[in-house]
Amino acid sequence: MPVVRSSEAVTHEIHGARFVSYATPLTGSKELCAWRGEIPAGTRAPAHTVNREEIFHLLIGELLITLDGRTERISAGDTVIVNPGATLAVENPTDHTAVSWVTTSVGLTAELADGTVLTPPWAN
């Protein structure tokens, strides 16, 4: 039975945010990936288009989420469903770090506006 202890989770930092990876093929997951996102106050992540569905659940704080050009303020307890092919941008306009939990399928990629394709290690 794969158990990933919090002390064993791998942390990645990109675009001012931290991604703490728990479920990946490297930790024993066959189909899904899951991570905790820590989005510091004032962070604005660049818009990116995803190739897999993501379930984005906000645990702590508030964020502005722009999904395909429509912006919503979400609060702790809210969940955003990001469909494949959707363009997502995340911004933390508050004075406190927001914490999220994200689940997706193995093989997620994110394409930036300039055409750069990222293959996040916490989702593969």
PDB file of N, CA and C in Angstrom:
ATOM      1  N   MET A   1       0.848  -1.176   0.000  1.00  0.00           N
ATOM      2  CA  MET A   1       0.000   0.000   0.000  1.00  0.00           C
ATOM      3  C   MET A   1       0.892   1.238   0.000  1.00  0.00           C
ATOM      4  N   PRO A   2       0.882   2.010  -1.102  1.00  0.00           N
ATOM      5  CA  PRO A   2       1.690   3.238  -1.111  1.00  0.00           C
ATOM      6  C   PRO A   2       1.127   4.288  -0.146  1.00  0.00           C
ATOM      7  N   VAL A   3       1.958   4.744   0.738  1.00  0.00           N
ATOM      8  CA  VAL A   3       1.618   5.840   1.647  1.00  0.00           C
ATOM      9  C   VAL A   3       2.699   6.892   1.470  1.00  0.00           C
ATOM     10  N   VAL A   4       2.287   8.097   1.145  1.00  0.00           N
ATOM     11  CA  VAL A   4       3.242   9.193   0.985  1.00  0.00           C
ATOM     12  C   VAL A   4       3.158  10.060   2.234  1.00  0.00           C
ATOM     13  N   ARG A   5       4.176  10.021   3.030  1.00  0.00           N
ATOM     14  CA  ARG A   5       4.236  10.836   4.253  1.00  0.00           C
ATOM     15  C   ARG A   5       4.510  12.289   3.870  1.00  0.00           C
ATOM     16  N   SER A   6       3.993  13.199   4.660  1.00  0.00           N
ATOM     17  CA  SER A   6       4.191  14.618   4.349  1.00  0.00           C
ATOM     18  C   SER A   6       5.677  14.959   4.278  1.00  0.00           C
ATOM     19  N   SER A   7       6.477  14.287   5.073  1.00  0.00           N
ATOM     20  CA  SER A   7       7.923  14.539   5.057  1.00  0.00           C
ATOM     21  C   SER A   7       8.591  14.038   3.770  1.00  0.00           C
ATOM     22  N   GLU A   8       7.891  13.179   3.013  1.00  0.00           N
ATOM     23  CA  GLU A   8       8.437  12.626   1.774  1.00  0.00           C
ATOM     24  C   GLU A   8       7.938  13.354   0.529  1.00  0.00           C
ATOM     25  N   ALA A   9       6.966  14.227   0.688  1.00  0.00           N
ATOM     26  CA  ALA A   9       6.416  14.950  -0.458  1.00  0.00           C
ATOM     27  C   ALA A   9       7.505  15.817  -1.087  1.00  0.00           C
ATOM     28  N   VAL A  10       7.451  15.926  -2.399  1.00  0.00           N
ATOM     29  CA  VAL A  10       8.453  16.693  -3.134  1.00  0.00           C
ATOM     30  C   VAL A  10       7.896  18.079  -3.432  1.00  0.00           C
ATOM     31  N   THR A  11       8.677  19.113  -3.148  1.00  0.00           N
ATOM     32  CA  THR A  11       8.252  20.488  -3.366  1.00  0.00           C
ATOM     33  C   THR A  11       8.913  21.061  -4.616  1.00  0.00           C
ATOM     34  N   HIS A  12       8.095  21.715  -5.433  1.00  0.00           N
ATOM     35  CA  HIS A  12       8.567  22.396  -6.640  1.00  0.00           C
ATOM     36  C   HIS A  12       8.115  23.844  -6.545  1.00  0.00           C
ATOM     37  N   GLU A  13       8.925  24.764  -7.049  1.00  0.00           N
ATOM     38  CA  GLU A  13       8.544  26.176  -7.072  1.00  0.00           C
ATOM     39  C   GLU A  13       8.619  26.687  -8.497  1.00  0.00           C
ATOM     40  N   ILE A  14       7.545  27.380  -8.920  1.00  0.00           N
ATOM     41  CA  ILE A  14       7.503  27.964 -10.255  1.00  0.00           C
ATOM     42  C   ILE A  14       6.499  29.105 -10.244  1.00  0.00           C
ATOM     43  N   HIS A  15       6.823  30.170 -10.953  1.00  0.00           N
ATOM     44  CA  HIS A  15       5.955  31.348 -11.080  1.00  0.00           C
ATOM     45  C   HIS A  15       5.519  31.896  -9.724  1.00  0.00           C
ATOM     46  N   GLY A  16       6.385  31.801  -8.727  1.00  0.00           N
ATOM     47  CA  GLY A  16       6.103  32.376  -7.418  1.00  0.00           C
ATOM     48  C   GLY A  16       5.267  31.501  -6.505  1.00  0.00           C
ATOM     49  N   ALA A  17       4.852  30.335  -6.963  1.00  0.00           N
ATOM     50  CA  ALA A  17       4.027  29.440  -6.143  1.00  0.00           C
ATOM     51  C   ALA A  17       4.807  28.171  -5.811  1.00  0.00           C
ATOM     52  N   ARG A  18       4.341  27.473  -4.771  1.00  0.00           N
ATOM     53  CA  ARG A  18       4.935  26.190  -4.378  1.00  0.00           C
ATOM     54  C   ARG A  18       3.928  25.085  -4.655  1.00  0.00           C
ATOM     55  N   PHE A  19       4.414  23.988  -5.182  1.00  0.00           N
ATOM     56  CA  PHE A  19       3.596  22.818  -5.461  1.00  0.00           C
ATOM     57  C   PHE A  19       4.198  21.660  -4.684  1.00  0.00           C
ATOM     58  N   VAL A  20       3.436  21.116  -3.756  1.00  0.00           N
ATOM     59  CA  VAL A  20       3.916  20.014  -2.934  1.00  0.00           C
ATOM     60  C   VAL A  20       3.235  18.750  -3.446  1.00  0.00           C
ATOM     61  N   SER A  21       4.021  17.909  -4.090  1.00  0.00           N
ATOM     62  CA  SER A  21       3.528  16.756  -4.827  1.00  0.00           C
ATOM     63  C   SER A  21       3.404  15.531  -3.924  1.00  0.00           C
ATOM     64  N   TYR A  22       2.225  14.914  -3.956  1.00  0.00           N
ATOM     65  CA  TYR A  22       1.975  13.718  -3.159  1.00  0.00           C
ATOM     66  C   TYR A  22       1.730  12.493  -4.034  1.00  0.00           C
ATOM     67  N   ALA A  23       0.752  12.550  -4.921  1.00  0.00           N
ATOM     68  CA  ALA A  23       0.398  11.384  -5.734  1.00  0.00           C
ATOM     69  C   ALA A  23       0.895  11.587  -7.160  1.00  0.00           C
ATOM     70  N   THR A  24       1.823  10.730  -7.588  1.00  0.00           N
ATOM     71  CA  THR A  24       2.368  10.725  -8.943  1.00  0.00           C
ATOM     72  C   THR A  24       2.750   9.283  -9.264  1.00  0.00           C
ATOM     73  N   PRO A  25       3.078   8.987 -10.507  1.00  0.00           N
ATOM     74  CA  PRO A  25       3.566   7.640 -10.797  1.00  0.00           C
ATOM     75  C   PRO A  25       4.813   7.267  -9.975  1.00  0.00           C
ATOM     76  N   LEU A  26       5.638   8.250  -9.645  1.00  0.00           N
ATOM     77  CA  LEU A  26       6.828   7.960  -8.846  1.00  0.00           C
ATOM     78  C   LEU A  26       6.503   7.548  -7.417  1.00  0.00           C
ATOM     79  N   THR A  27       5.304   7.923  -6.927  1.00  0.00           N
ATOM     80  CA  THR A  27       4.915   7.556  -5.560  1.00  0.00           C
ATOM     81  C   THR A  27       3.905   6.418  -5.536  1.00  0.00           C
ATOM     82  N   GLY A  28       3.579   5.860  -6.710  1.00  0.00           N
ATOM     83  CA  GLY A  28       2.712   4.694  -6.749  1.00  0.00           C
ATOM     84  C   GLY A  28       1.364   4.892  -7.409  1.00  0.00           C
ATOM     85  N   SER A  29       1.024   6.110  -7.811  1.00  0.00           N
ATOM     86  CA  SER A  29      -0.257   6.351  -8.472  1.00  0.00           C
ATOM     87  C   SER A  29      -0.175   5.924  -9.930  1.00  0.00           C
ATOM     88  N   LYS A  30      -1.204   5.293 -10.417  1.00  0.00           N
ATOM     89  CA  LYS A  30      -1.213   4.816 -11.798  1.00  0.00           C
ATOM     90  C   LYS A  30      -1.949   5.778 -12.740  1.00  0.00           C
ATOM     91  N   GLU A  31      -3.004   6.462 -12.261  1.00  0.00           N
ATOM     92  CA  GLU A  31      -3.831   7.282 -13.134  1.00  0.00           C
ATOM     93  C   GLU A  31      -3.951   8.743 -12.709  1.00  0.00           C
ATOM     94  N   LEU A  32      -3.828   9.005 -11.415  1.00  0.00           N
ATOM     95  CA  LEU A  32      -4.084  10.351 -10.906  1.00  0.00           C
ATOM     96  C   LEU A  32      -2.851  10.977 -10.285  1.00  0.00           C
ATOM     97  N   CYS A  33      -2.843  12.298 -10.285  1.00  0.00           N
ATOM     98  CA  CYS A  33      -1.837  13.082  -9.581  1.00  0.00           C
ATOM     99  C   CYS A  33      -2.561  14.036  -8.640  1.00  0.00           C
ATOM    100  N   ALA A  34      -1.940  14.330  -7.520  1.00  0.00           N
ATOM    101  CA  ALA A  34      -2.539  15.261  -6.568  1.00  0.00           C
ATOM    102  C   ALA A  34      -1.432  16.029  -5.865  1.00  0.00           C
ATOM    103  N   TRP A  35      -1.689  17.313  -5.652  1.00  0.00           N
ATOM    104  CA  TRP A  35      -0.699  18.159  -4.991  1.00  0.00           C
ATOM    105  C   TRP A  35      -1.377  19.281  -4.232  1.00  0.00           C
ATOM    106  N   ARG A  36      -0.621  19.828  -3.287  1.00  0.00           N
ATOM    107  CA  ARG A  36      -1.050  21.016  -2.549  1.00  0.00           C
ATOM    108  C   ARG A  36      -0.349  22.203  -3.186  1.00  0.00           C
ATOM    109  N   GLY A  37      -1.113  23.225  -3.511  1.00  0.00           N
ATOM    110  CA  GLY A  37      -0.548  24.452  -4.050  1.00  0.00           C
ATOM    111  C   GLY A  37      -0.540  25.528  -2.994  1.00  0.00           C
ATOM    112  N   GLU A  38       0.560  26.226  -2.874  1.00  0.00           N
ATOM    113  CA  GLU A  38       0.679  27.351  -1.936  1.00  0.00           C
ATOM    114  C   GLU A  38       0.929  28.596  -2.766  1.00  0.00           C
ATOM    115  N   ILE A  39      -0.046  29.505  -2.767  1.00  0.00           N
ATOM    116  CA  ILE A  39       0.006  30.693  -3.609  1.00  0.00           C
ATOM    117  C   ILE A  39       0.174  31.912  -2.700  1.00  0.00           C
ATOM    118  N   PRO A  40       1.387  32.450  -2.617  1.00  0.00           N
ATOM    119  CA  PRO A  40       1.642  33.579  -1.712  1.00  0.00           C
ATOM    120  C   PRO A  40       0.857  34.835  -2.090  1.00  0.00           C
ATOM    121  N   ALA A  41       0.687  35.696  -1.112  1.00  0.00           N
ATOM    122  CA  ALA A  41       0.026  36.986  -1.327  1.00  0.00           C
ATOM    123  C   ALA A  41       0.691  37.717  -2.481  1.00  0.00           C
ATOM    124  N   GLY A  42      -0.123  38.309  -3.347  1.00  0.00           N
ATOM    125  CA  GLY A  42       0.393  39.097  -4.455  1.00  0.00           C
ATOM    126  C   GLY A  42       0.843  38.299  -5.664  1.00  0.00           C
ATOM    127  N   THR A  43       0.755  36.981  -5.614  1.00  0.00           N
ATOM    128  CA  THR A  43       1.196  36.155  -6.736  1.00  0.00           C
ATOM    129  C   THR A  43       0.177  36.190  -7.868  1.00  0.00           C
ATOM    130  N   ARG A  44       0.677  36.295  -9.078  1.00  0.00           N
ATOM    131  CA  ARG A  44      -0.155  36.206 -10.280  1.00  0.00           C
ATOM    132  C   ARG A  44       0.513  35.225 -11.227  1.00  0.00           C
ATOM    133  N   ALA A  45      -0.080  34.035 -11.335  1.00  0.00           N
ATOM    134  CA  ALA A  45       0.473  33.008 -12.227  1.00  0.00           C
ATOM    135  C   ALA A  45       0.041  33.302 -13.655  1.00  0.00           C
ATOM    136  N   PRO A  46       0.890  33.008 -14.620  1.00  0.00           N
ATOM    137  CA  PRO A  46       0.518  33.281 -16.012  1.00  0.00           C
ATOM    138  C   PRO A  46      -0.607  32.362 -16.481  1.00  0.00           C
ATOM    139  N   ALA A  47      -1.396  32.866 -17.411  1.00  0.00           N
ATOM    140  CA  ALA A  47      -2.459  32.049 -18.001  1.00  0.00           C
ATOM    141  C   ALA A  47      -1.839  30.860 -18.710  1.00  0.00           C
ATOM    142  N   HIS A  48      -2.495  29.719 -18.587  1.00  0.00           N
ATOM    143  CA  HIS A  48      -2.014  28.508 -19.236  1.00  0.00           C
ATOM    144  C   HIS A  48      -3.203  27.632 -19.613  1.00  0.00           C
ATOM    145  N   THR A  49      -3.053  26.924 -20.714  1.00  0.00           N
ATOM    146  CA  THR A  49      -4.100  26.041 -21.220  1.00  0.00           C
ATOM    147  C   THR A  49      -3.712  24.608 -20.884  1.00  0.00           C
ATOM    148  N   VAL A  50      -4.625  23.892 -20.221  1.00  0.00           N
ATOM    149  CA  VAL A  50      -4.329  22.529 -19.775  1.00  0.00           C
ATOM    150  C   VAL A  50      -4.901  21.494 -20.738  1.00  0.00           C
ATOM    151  N   ASN A  51      -4.233  20.360 -20.813  1.00  0.00           N
ATOM    152  CA  ASN A  51      -4.685  19.279 -21.698  1.00  0.00           C
ATOM    153  C   ASN A  51      -5.479  18.202 -20.968  1.00  0.00           C
ATOM    154  N   ARG A  52      -5.587  18.308 -19.652  1.00  0.00           N
ATOM    155  CA  ARG A  52      -6.317  17.343 -18.834  1.00  0.00           C
ATOM    156  C   ARG A  52      -7.256  18.104 -17.900  1.00  0.00           C
ATOM    157  N   GLU A  53      -8.304  17.423 -17.474  1.00  0.00           N
ATOM    158  CA  GLU A  53      -9.198  18.017 -16.478  1.00  0.00           C
ATOM    159  C   GLU A  53      -8.454  18.160 -15.155  1.00  0.00           C
ATOM    160  N   GLU A  54      -8.684  19.288 -14.480  1.00  0.00           N
ATOM    161  CA  GLU A  54      -8.149  19.522 -13.143  1.00  0.00           C
ATOM    162  C   GLU A  54      -9.314  19.832 -12.214  1.00  0.00           C
ATOM    163  N   ILE A  55      -9.226  19.311 -11.013  1.00  0.00           N
ATOM    164  CA  ILE A  55     -10.166  19.679  -9.966  1.00  0.00           C
ATOM    165  C   ILE A  55      -9.355  20.496  -8.962  1.00  0.00           C
ATOM    166  N   PHE A  56      -9.704  21.775  -8.837  1.00  0.00           N
ATOM    167  CA  PHE A  56      -8.954  22.742  -8.035  1.00  0.00           C
ATOM    168  C   PHE A  56      -9.830  23.108  -6.835  1.00  0.00           C
ATOM    169  N   HIS A  57      -9.431  22.671  -5.650  1.00  0.00           N
ATOM    170  CA  HIS A  57     -10.207  22.928  -4.429  1.00  0.00           C
ATOM    171  C   HIS A  57      -9.407  23.860  -3.522  1.00  0.00           C
ATOM    172  N   LEU A  58     -10.005  24.968  -3.136  1.00  0.00           N
ATOM    173  CA  LEU A  58      -9.317  25.933  -2.280  1.00  0.00           C
ATOM    174  C   LEU A  58      -9.538  25.576  -0.815  1.00  0.00           C
ATOM    175  N   LEU A  59      -8.451  25.306  -0.122  1.00  0.00           N
ATOM    176  CA  LEU A  59      -8.502  24.932   1.288  1.00  0.00           C
ATOM    177  C   LEU A  59      -8.487  26.143   2.209  1.00  0.00           C
ATOM    178  N   ILE A  60      -7.620  27.109   1.894  1.00  0.00           N
ATOM    179  CA  ILE A  60      -7.418  28.280   2.751  1.00  0.00           C
ATOM    180  C   ILE A  60      -7.289  29.511   1.870  1.00  0.00           C
ATOM    181  N   GLY A  61      -7.953  30.605   2.251  1.00  0.00           N
ATOM    182  CA  GLY A  61      -7.764  31.886   1.594  1.00  0.00           C
ATOM    183  C   GLY A  61      -8.789  32.217   0.524  1.00  0.00           C
ATOM    184  N   GLU A  62      -8.408  33.173  -0.316  1.00  0.00           N
ATOM    185  CA  GLU A  62      -9.223  33.630  -1.442  1.00  0.00           C
ATOM    186  C   GLU A  62      -8.318  33.802  -2.647  1.00  0.00           C
ATOM    187  N   LEU A  63      -8.864  33.545  -3.819  1.00  0.00           N
ATOM    188  CA  LEU A  63      -8.124  33.717  -5.065  1.00  0.00           C
ATOM    189  C   LEU A  63      -9.043  34.295  -6.129  1.00  0.00           C
ATOM    190  N   LEU A  64      -8.436  34.917  -7.125  1.00  0.00           N
ATOM    191  CA  LEU A  64      -9.137  35.259  -8.354  1.00  0.00           C
ATOM    192  C   LEU A  64      -8.743  34.208  -9.376  1.00  0.00           C
ATOM    193  N   ILE A  65      -9.736  33.512  -9.895  1.00  0.00           N
ATOM    194  CA  ILE A  65      -9.512  32.486 -10.904  1.00  0.00           C
ATOM    195  C   ILE A  65     -10.123  32.982 -12.203  1.00  0.00           C
ATOM    196  N   THR A  66      -9.331  33.021 -13.250  1.00  0.00           N
ATOM    197  CA  THR A  66      -9.846  33.371 -14.578  1.00  0.00           C
ATOM    198  C   THR A  66      -9.822  32.107 -15.410  1.00  0.00           C
ATOM    199  N   LEU A  67     -11.004  31.717 -15.861  1.00  0.00           N
ATOM    200  CA  LEU A  67     -11.156  30.495 -16.646  1.00  0.00           C
ATOM    201  C   LEU A  67     -11.811  30.868 -17.960  1.00  0.00           C
ATOM    202  N   ASP A  68     -11.054  30.709 -19.050  1.00  0.00           N
ATOM    203  CA  ASP A  68     -11.529  31.071 -20.387  1.00  0.00           C
ATOM    204  C   ASP A  68     -12.081  32.493 -20.433  1.00  0.00           C
ATOM    205  N   GLY A  69     -11.356  33.416 -19.783  1.00  0.00           N
ATOM    206  CA  GLY A  69     -11.693  34.828 -19.831  1.00  0.00           C
ATOM    207  C   GLY A  69     -12.697  35.305 -18.802  1.00  0.00           C
ATOM    208  N   ARG A  70     -13.273  34.422 -18.033  1.00  0.00           N
ATOM    209  CA  ARG A  70     -14.252  34.791 -17.004  1.00  0.00           C
ATOM    210  C   ARG A  70     -13.600  34.686 -15.633  1.00  0.00           C
ATOM    211  N   THR A  71     -13.609  35.784 -14.866  1.00  0.00           N
ATOM    212  CA  THR A  71     -12.955  35.829 -13.562  1.00  0.00           C
ATOM    213  C   THR A  71     -13.972  35.678 -12.443  1.00  0.00           C
ATOM    214  N   GLU A  72     -13.630  34.813 -11.494  1.00  0.00           N
ATOM    215  CA  GLU A  72     -14.441  34.575 -10.294  1.00  0.00           C
ATOM    216  C   GLU A  72     -13.542  34.682  -9.076  1.00  0.00           C
ATOM    217  N   ARG A  73     -14.055  35.272  -8.010  1.00  0.00           N
ATOM    218  CA  ARG A  73     -13.353  35.237  -6.723  1.00  0.00           C
ATOM    219  C   ARG A  73     -13.834  33.979  -6.017  1.00  0.00           C
ATOM    220  N   ILE A  74     -12.873  33.131  -5.628  1.00  0.00           N
ATOM    221  CA  ILE A  74     -13.248  31.933  -4.890  1.00  0.00           C
ATOM    222  C   ILE A  74     -12.700  32.024  -3.475  1.00  0.00           C
ATOM    223  N   SER A  75     -13.370  31.329  -2.566  1.00  0.00           N
ATOM    224  CA  SER A  75     -12.999  31.323  -1.152  1.00  0.00           C
ATOM    225  C   SER A  75     -12.786  29.896  -0.684  1.00  0.00           C
ATOM    226  N   ALA A  76     -12.193  29.758   0.487  1.00  0.00           N
ATOM    227  CA  ALA A  76     -11.953  28.442   1.066  1.00  0.00           C
ATOM    228  C   ALA A  76     -13.231  27.617   1.026  1.00  0.00           C
ATOM    229  N   GLY A  77     -13.094  26.376   0.540  1.00  0.00           N
ATOM    230  CA  GLY A  77     -14.228  25.479   0.413  1.00  0.00           C
ATOM    231  C   GLY A  77     -14.789  25.410  -0.990  1.00  0.00           C
ATOM    232  N   ASP A  78     -14.430  26.370  -1.845  1.00  0.00           N
ATOM    233  CA  ASP A  78     -14.911  26.378  -3.227  1.00  0.00           C
ATOM    234  C   ASP A  78     -14.047  25.463  -4.092  1.00  0.00           C
ATOM    235  N   THR A  79     -14.683  24.889  -5.114  1.00  0.00           N
ATOM    236  CA  THR A  79     -14.000  24.009  -6.058  1.00  0.00           C
ATOM    237  C   THR A  79     -14.216  24.516  -7.466  1.00  0.00           C
ATOM    238  N   VAL A  80     -13.157  24.543  -8.259  1.00  0.00           N
ATOM    239  CA  VAL A  80     -13.232  24.945  -9.662  1.00  0.00           C
ATOM    240  C   VAL A  80     -12.915  23.716 -10.502  1.00  0.00           C
ATOM    241  N   ILE A  81     -13.785  23.429 -11.466  1.00  0.00           N
ATOM    242  CA  ILE A  81     -13.560  22.326 -12.393  1.00  0.00           C
ATOM    243  C   ILE A  81     -13.006  22.924 -13.675  1.00  0.00           C
ATOM    244  N   VAL A  82     -11.799  22.526 -14.011  1.00  0.00           N
ATOM    245  CA  VAL A  82     -11.105  23.049 -15.189  1.00  0.00           C
ATOM    246  C   VAL A  82     -11.097  21.937 -16.237  1.00  0.00           C
ATOM    247  N   ASN A  83     -11.829  22.127 -17.306  1.00  0.00           N
ATOM    248  CA  ASN A  83     -11.933  21.105 -18.343  1.00  0.00           C
ATOM    249  C   ASN A  83     -10.719  21.121 -19.267  1.00  0.00           C
ATOM    250  N   PRO A  84     -10.426  19.998 -19.924  1.00  0.00           N
ATOM    251  CA  PRO A  84      -9.316  19.965 -20.874  1.00  0.00           C
ATOM    252  C   PRO A  84      -9.505  21.024 -21.958  1.00  0.00           C
ATOM    253  N   GLY A  85      -8.428  21.722 -22.289  1.00  0.00           N
ATOM    254  CA  GLY A  85      -8.486  22.767 -23.298  1.00  0.00           C
ATOM    255  C   GLY A  85      -8.836  24.139 -22.750  1.00  0.00           C
ATOM    256  N   ALA A  86      -9.169  24.210 -21.465  1.00  0.00           N
ATOM    257  CA  ALA A  86      -9.507  25.497 -20.851  1.00  0.00           C
ATOM    258  C   ALA A  86      -8.229  26.268 -20.531  1.00  0.00           C
ATOM    259  N   THR A  87      -8.345  27.591 -20.551  1.00  0.00           N
ATOM    260  CA  THR A  87      -7.228  28.460 -20.187  1.00  0.00           C
ATOM    261  C   THR A  87      -7.494  29.018 -18.799  1.00  0.00           C
ATOM    262  N   LEU A  88      -6.524  28.837 -17.923  1.00  0.00           N
ATOM    263  CA  LEU A  88      -6.650  29.154 -16.507  1.00  0.00           C
ATOM    264  C   LEU A  88      -5.569  30.137 -16.080  1.00  0.00           C
ATOM    265  N   ALA A  89      -5.966  31.118 -15.277  1.00  0.00           N
ATOM    266  CA  ALA A  89      -5.006  32.010 -14.626  1.00  0.00           C
ATOM    267  C   ALA A  89      -5.410  32.125 -13.164  1.00  0.00           C
ATOM    268  N   VAL A  90      -4.428  32.194 -12.279  1.00  0.00           N
ATOM    269  CA  VAL A  90      -4.669  32.245 -10.844  1.00  0.00           C
ATOM    270  C   VAL A  90      -3.955  33.467 -10.279  1.00  0.00           C
ATOM    271  N   GLU A  91      -4.675  34.207  -9.436  1.00  0.00           N
ATOM    272  CA  GLU A  91      -4.088  35.392  -8.802  1.00  0.00           C
ATOM    273  C   GLU A  91      -4.508  35.441  -7.339  1.00  0.00           C
ATOM    274  N   ASN A  92      -3.559  35.768  -6.471  1.00  0.00           N
ATOM    275  CA  ASN A  92      -3.863  35.965  -5.060  1.00  0.00           C
ATOM    276  C   ASN A  92      -3.722  37.450  -4.747  1.00  0.00           C
ATOM    277  N   PRO A  93      -4.855  38.197  -4.745  1.00  0.00           N
ATOM    278  CA  PRO A  93      -4.792  39.633  -4.494  1.00  0.00           C
ATOM    279  C   PRO A  93      -4.806  39.986  -3.010  1.00  0.00           C
ATOM    280  N   THR A  94      -4.777  38.979  -2.130  1.00  0.00           N
ATOM    281  CA  THR A  94      -4.894  39.225  -0.699  1.00  0.00           C
ATOM    282  C   THR A  94      -3.526  39.391  -0.049  1.00  0.00           C
ATOM    283  N   ASP A  95      -3.549  39.562   1.272  1.00  0.00           N
ATOM    284  CA  ASP A  95      -2.319  39.704   2.058  1.00  0.00           C
ATOM    285  C   ASP A  95      -1.872  38.394   2.694  1.00  0.00           C
ATOM    286  N   HIS A  96      -2.530  37.277   2.338  1.00  0.00           N
ATOM    287  CA  HIS A  96      -2.235  35.991   2.968  1.00  0.00           C
ATOM    288  C   HIS A  96      -2.033  34.904   1.914  1.00  0.00           C
ATOM    289  N   THR A  97      -1.233  33.921   2.239  1.00  0.00           N
ATOM    290  CA  THR A  97      -1.027  32.782   1.352  1.00  0.00           C
ATOM    291  C   THR A  97      -2.315  31.974   1.246  1.00  0.00           C
ATOM    292  N   ALA A  98      -2.660  31.594   0.032  1.00  0.00           N
ATOM    293  CA  ALA A  98      -3.802  30.710  -0.203  1.00  0.00           C
ATOM    294  C   ALA A  98      -3.255  29.293  -0.409  1.00  0.00           C
ATOM    295  N   VAL A  99      -4.039  28.308   0.012  1.00  0.00           N
ATOM    296  CA  VAL A  99      -3.623  26.915  -0.109  1.00  0.00           C
ATOM    297  C   VAL A  99      -4.714  26.142  -0.837  1.00  0.00           C
ATOM    298  N   SER A 100      -4.303  25.396  -1.855  1.00  0.00           N
ATOM    299  CA  SER A 100      -5.261  24.625  -2.653  1.00  0.00           C
ATOM    300  C   SER A 100      -4.864  23.154  -2.688  1.00  0.00           C
ATOM    301  N   TRP A 101      -5.801  22.327  -3.110  1.00  0.00           N
ATOM    302  CA  TRP A 101      -5.543  20.911  -3.389  1.00  0.00           C
ATOM    303  C   TRP A 101      -6.008  20.675  -4.814  1.00  0.00           C
ATOM    304  N   VAL A 102      -5.148  20.108  -5.640  1.00  0.00           N
ATOM    305  CA  VAL A 102      -5.465  19.895  -7.053  1.00  0.00           C
ATOM    306  C   VAL A 102      -5.296  18.419  -7.386  1.00  0.00           C
ATOM    307  N   THR A 103      -6.263  17.910  -8.133  1.00  0.00           N
ATOM    308  CA  THR A 103      -6.198  16.535  -8.624  1.00  0.00           C
ATOM    309  C   THR A 103      -6.403  16.559 -10.131  1.00  0.00           C
ATOM    310  N   THR A 104      -5.616  15.754 -10.828  1.00  0.00           N
ATOM    311  CA  THR A 104      -5.717  15.644 -12.279  1.00  0.00           C
ATOM    312  C   THR A 104      -5.269  14.244 -12.683  1.00  0.00           C
ATOM    313  N   SER A 105      -5.302  13.970 -13.961  1.00  0.00           N
ATOM    314  CA  SER A 105      -4.802  12.680 -14.422  1.00  0.00           C
ATOM    315  C   SER A 105      -3.341  12.805 -14.846  1.00  0.00           C
ATOM    316  N   VAL A 106      -2.643  11.678 -14.804  1.00  0.00           N
ATOM    317  CA  VAL A 106      -1.245  11.624 -15.217  1.00  0.00           C
ATOM    318  C   VAL A 106      -1.142  12.123 -16.661  1.00  0.00           C
ATOM    319  N   GLY A 107      -0.118  12.920 -16.937  1.00  0.00           N
ATOM    320  CA  GLY A 107       0.114  13.406 -18.295  1.00  0.00           C
ATOM    321  C   GLY A 107      -0.290  14.846 -18.514  1.00  0.00           C
ATOM    322  N   LEU A 108      -0.628  15.556 -17.448  1.00  0.00           N
ATOM    323  CA  LEU A 108      -1.010  16.965 -17.580  1.00  0.00           C
ATOM    324  C   LEU A 108       0.123  17.772 -18.198  1.00  0.00           C
ATOM    325  N   THR A 109      -0.227  18.623 -19.159  1.00  0.00           N
ATOM    326  CA  THR A 109       0.689  19.643 -19.654  1.00  0.00           C
ATOM    327  C   THR A 109      -0.038  20.972 -19.612  1.00  0.00           C
ATOM    328  N   ALA A 110       0.729  22.036 -19.604  1.00  0.00           N
ATOM    329  CA  ALA A 110       0.172  23.384 -19.571  1.00  0.00           C
ATOM    330  C   ALA A 110       0.898  24.213 -20.629  1.00  0.00           C
ATOM    331  N   GLU A 111       0.136  24.809 -21.540  1.00  0.00           N
ATOM    332  CA  GLU A 111       0.724  25.638 -22.583  1.00  0.00           C
ATOM    333  C   GLU A 111       0.540  27.109 -22.233  1.00  0.00           C
ATOM    334  N   LEU A 112       1.651  27.841 -22.192  1.00  0.00           N
ATOM    335  CA  LEU A 112       1.619  29.279 -21.916  1.00  0.00           C
ATOM    336  C   LEU A 112       1.231  30.035 -23.176  1.00  0.00           C
ATOM    337  N   ALA A 113       0.895  31.310 -23.026  1.00  0.00           N
ATOM    338  CA  ALA A 113       0.455  32.139 -24.151  1.00  0.00           C
ATOM    339  C   ALA A 113       1.509  32.228 -25.252  1.00  0.00           C
ATOM    340  N   ASP A 114       2.795  32.125 -24.887  1.00  0.00           N
ATOM    341  CA  ASP A 114       3.861  32.222 -25.896  1.00  0.00           C
ATOM    342  C   ASP A 114       4.121  30.903 -26.616  1.00  0.00           C
ATOM    343  N   GLY A 115       3.320  29.868 -26.310  1.00  0.00           N
ATOM    344  CA  GLY A 115       3.477  28.576 -26.963  1.00  0.00           C
ATOM    345  C   GLY A 115       4.363  27.595 -26.210  1.00  0.00           C
ATOM    346  N   THR A 116       5.003  28.043 -25.141  1.00  0.00           N
ATOM    347  CA  THR A 116       5.824  27.152 -24.325  1.00  0.00           C
ATOM    348  C   THR A 116       4.927  26.117 -23.655  1.00  0.00           C
ATOM    349  N   VAL A 117       5.304  24.851 -23.773  1.00  0.00           N
ATOM    350  CA  VAL A 117       4.551  23.771 -23.124  1.00  0.00           C
ATOM    351  C   VAL A 117       5.324  23.287 -21.919  1.00  0.00           C
ATOM    352  N   LEU A 118       4.669  23.325 -20.773  1.00  0.00           N
ATOM    353  CA  LEU A 118       5.287  22.862 -19.532  1.00  0.00           C
ATOM    354  C   LEU A 118       4.737  21.479 -19.195  1.00  0.00           C
ATOM    355  N   THR A 119       5.606  20.613 -18.754  1.00  0.00           N
ATOM    356  CA  THR A 119       5.207  19.314 -18.236  1.00  0.00           C
ATOM    357  C   THR A 119       5.563  19.311 -16.762  1.00  0.00           C
ATOM    358  N   PRO A 120       4.610  19.707 -15.922  1.00  0.00           N
ATOM    359  CA  PRO A 120       4.930  19.854 -14.492  1.00  0.00           C
ATOM    360  C   PRO A 120       5.329  18.518 -13.867  1.00  0.00           C
ATOM    361  N   PRO A 121       6.466  18.455 -13.191  1.00  0.00           N
ATOM    362  CA  PRO A 121       6.898  17.194 -12.589  1.00  0.00           C
ATOM    363  C   PRO A 121       5.960  16.716 -11.491  1.00  0.00           C
ATOM    364  N   TRP A 122       5.191  17.612 -10.889  1.00  0.00           N
ATOM    365  CA  TRP A 122       4.266  17.212  -9.827  1.00  0.00           C
ATOM    366  C   TRP A 122       2.989  16.610 -10.399  1.00  0.00           C
ATOM    367  N   ALA A 123       2.857  16.553 -11.731  1.00  0.00           N
ATOM    368  CA  ALA A 123       1.653  16.006 -12.364  1.00  0.00           C
ATOM    369  C   ALA A 123       1.998  14.936 -13.388  1.00  0.00           C
ATOM    370  N   ASN A 124       3.153  14.363 -13.261  1.00  0.00           N
ATOM    371  CA  ASN A 124       3.574  13.339 -14.230  1.00  0.00           C
ATOM    372  C   ASN A 124       4.443  12.299 -13.561  1.00  0.00           C
TER     373      ASN A 124
END
